[in-house]
Protein backbone atom coordinates (compact mmCIF):
# COMPACT_ATOMS: atom_id res chain seq x y z
CA UNK A 1 155.30 29.68 26.87
CA UNK A 2 157.67 27.20 27.90
CA UNK A 3 159.89 27.66 30.88
CA UNK A 4 163.65 28.06 30.63
CA UNK A 5 166.40 27.01 32.97
CA UNK A 6 170.10 27.32 32.93
CA UNK A 7 172.27 24.23 33.16
CA UNK A 8 175.55 24.61 34.82
CA UNK A 9 178.02 21.57 34.50
CA UNK A 10 181.02 22.18 36.94
CA UNK A 11 184.24 20.01 36.91
CA UNK A 12 186.83 20.18 39.70
CA UNK A 13 185.19 23.08 41.30
CA UNK A 14 185.16 25.27 38.18
CA UNK A 15 182.31 25.90 35.67
CA UNK A 16 182.83 23.78 32.66
CA UNK A 17 179.85 24.88 30.59
CA UNK A 18 176.72 26.87 31.15
CA UNK A 19 173.79 27.06 28.79
CA UNK A 20 170.06 27.84 28.59
CA UNK A 21 167.52 24.87 28.16
CA UNK A 22 163.75 24.54 27.88
CA UNK A 23 162.38 22.71 30.88
CA UNK A 24 160.28 19.89 29.65
CA UNK A 25 159.32 18.13 32.94
CA UNK A 26 160.18 17.97 36.52
CA UNK A 27 158.86 14.70 38.18
CA UNK A 28 160.49 15.48 41.54
CA UNK A 29 163.27 13.06 40.92
CA UNK A 30 163.91 13.35 37.17
CA UNK A 31 164.44 16.73 35.54
CA UNK A 32 164.22 16.74 31.54
CA UNK A 33 165.17 19.65 29.49
CA UNK A 34 165.93 20.20 25.65
CA UNK A 35 168.88 22.45 24.38
CA UNK A 36 170.70 22.90 21.14
CA UNK A 37 174.15 21.88 20.89
CA UNK A 38 175.86 24.69 23.10
CA UNK A 39 178.99 25.22 20.98
CA UNK A 40 179.29 27.13 17.76
CA UNK A 41 181.64 24.54 16.16
CA UNK A 42 181.61 20.83 15.36
CA UNK A 43 183.05 18.40 17.98
CA UNK A 44 184.03 15.24 16.25
CA UNK A 45 184.72 12.47 18.76
CA UNK A 46 185.46 9.95 15.69
CA UNK A 47 182.49 7.87 16.83
CA UNK A 48 179.99 10.74 16.65
CA UNK A 49 179.79 14.31 15.67
CA UNK A 50 177.99 17.15 17.50
CA UNK A 51 177.39 20.06 15.48
CA UNK A 52 175.34 23.13 15.24
CA UNK A 53 171.69 22.23 14.95
CA UNK A 54 171.85 19.11 17.12
CA UNK A 55 169.28 18.81 19.72
CA UNK A 56 169.98 17.60 23.11
CA UNK A 57 167.22 16.20 25.27
CA UNK A 58 168.85 15.91 28.74
CA UNK A 59 167.70 13.92 31.70
CA UNK A 60 169.10 14.95 35.08
CA UNK A 61 168.37 13.06 38.43
CA UNK A 62 168.34 14.41 41.92
CA UNK A 63 168.95 10.78 43.29
CA UNK A 64 171.04 9.18 40.56
CA UNK A 65 174.79 9.66 39.78
CA UNK A 66 174.24 10.14 36.02
CA UNK A 67 172.79 12.21 33.20
CA UNK A 68 171.47 10.77 30.11
CA UNK A 69 171.37 12.92 27.03
CA UNK A 70 169.71 11.87 23.91
CA UNK A 71 171.37 13.44 20.78
CA UNK A 72 169.39 14.22 17.51
CA UNK A 73 170.27 15.91 14.49
CA UNK A 74 168.19 19.32 13.65
CA UNK A 75 166.04 17.15 11.41
CA UNK A 76 165.12 14.66 14.30
CA UNK A 77 167.50 11.70 13.39
CA UNK A 78 168.69 10.05 16.46
CA UNK A 79 172.48 9.81 16.82
CA UNK A 80 172.52 8.18 20.22
CA UNK A 81 172.77 8.87 23.98
CA UNK A 82 175.70 10.38 25.75
CA UNK A 83 175.60 9.60 29.39
CA UNK A 84 177.86 11.78 31.93
CA UNK A 85 178.64 10.33 35.40
CA UNK A 86 177.81 13.11 37.88
CA UNK A 87 176.96 13.66 41.32
CA UNK A 88 173.11 13.78 41.81
CA UNK A 89 171.64 17.08 40.38
CA UNK A 90 170.73 19.94 42.35
CA UNK A 91 167.91 22.32 41.28
CA UNK A 92 167.62 25.81 42.61
CA UNK A 93 166.41 29.21 41.43
CA UNK A 94 165.92 28.17 37.92
CA UNK A 95 169.24 26.42 37.49
CA UNK A 96 170.29 22.90 37.29
CA UNK A 97 173.69 22.24 38.80
CA UNK A 98 175.57 19.15 37.90
CA UNK A 99 179.30 17.96 38.93
CA UNK A 100 180.84 16.10 36.19
CA UNK A 101 182.90 13.14 37.39
CA UNK A 102 185.04 12.44 34.47
CA UNK A 103 183.41 9.22 33.31
CA UNK A 104 181.23 9.04 30.31
CA UNK A 105 179.29 6.44 28.20
CA UNK A 106 178.32 6.65 24.53
CA UNK A 107 175.47 4.56 23.07
CA UNK A 108 174.71 4.66 19.42
CA UNK A 109 171.32 4.89 18.04
CA UNK A 110 171.20 1.36 17.04
CA UNK A 111 172.79 0.19 20.29
CA UNK A 112 175.67 -1.57 18.46
CA UNK A 113 178.35 0.83 19.59
CA UNK A 114 178.88 1.14 23.58
CA UNK A 115 181.96 3.04 24.52
CA UNK A 116 183.10 3.71 28.09
CA UNK A 117 184.83 6.96 27.93
CA UNK A 118 187.47 9.21 29.98
CA UNK A 119 188.45 6.33 32.46
CA UNK A 120 191.92 7.76 32.33
CA UNK A 121 190.78 11.30 33.25
CA UNK A 122 188.69 9.72 36.04
CA UNK A 123 191.77 7.81 37.40
CA UNK A 124 193.95 10.95 37.16
CA UNK A 125 191.29 13.05 38.97
CA UNK A 126 192.29 11.44 42.32
CA UNK A 127 188.66 11.16 43.25
CA UNK A 128 189.25 7.48 44.52
CA UNK A 129 191.62 8.94 47.01
CA UNK A 130 189.85 12.34 47.96
CA UNK A 131 186.27 10.95 47.98
CA UNK A 132 186.28 7.27 47.69
CA UNK A 133 182.59 7.01 48.39
CA UNK A 134 181.69 9.33 45.27
CA UNK A 135 184.43 7.41 43.27
CA UNK A 136 182.51 4.07 44.10
CA UNK A 137 179.16 5.74 43.14
CA UNK A 138 180.59 6.90 39.78
CA UNK A 139 181.94 3.58 38.85
CA UNK A 140 178.69 1.66 39.94
CA UNK A 141 176.77 4.25 38.04
CA UNK A 142 178.74 3.71 34.66
CA UNK A 143 178.64 -0.18 35.23
CA UNK A 144 174.77 0.04 35.54
CA UNK A 145 174.45 2.20 32.56
CA UNK A 146 176.50 0.05 30.62
CA UNK A 147 174.70 -3.11 31.48
CA UNK A 148 171.31 -1.34 30.72
CA UNK A 149 172.44 -0.08 27.36
CA UNK A 150 173.23 -3.80 26.42
CA UNK A 151 169.71 -4.87 27.00
CA UNK A 152 166.96 -4.72 24.27
CA UNK A 153 165.16 -2.06 25.98
CA UNK A 154 168.39 -0.36 26.28
CA UNK A 155 168.78 3.35 27.75
CA UNK A 156 165.32 4.47 26.23
CA UNK A 157 163.61 2.47 29.00
CA UNK A 158 165.17 4.76 31.48
CA UNK A 159 163.41 7.47 30.01
CA UNK A 160 159.98 6.20 29.20
């Protein structure tokens, strides 16, 4: 029987989403879980659609300022990677707590499409004023993920 955890993503001090996930591994730094798309409806971003039946294999780190989510169809076809820029994850009492810092990166399965997302939301959040150290970490994390995604090994190398 596999162990389950709850993943709670917060934003600006409020719970953005909470969902159950299957714990796949905990190396001490990286925590990996698998969960179905948590919404009952389709979310069409224009460059990718998340829909019921999609499966997310999510990787959170206790020391890194991001989470990487591998997205596959229910049939196992890789859609790509959605990366959230977050504070390092906190794990306690069967729950993974992650604070979303508004920046995101999408990398298509073939690596041809790499998109920085929500930079306007990040700017509007005021984090650079209220917590300049965290804002700097967030921007560095996004830059590092984008650089990594443009290499032949890509984001998959982070997870191997």
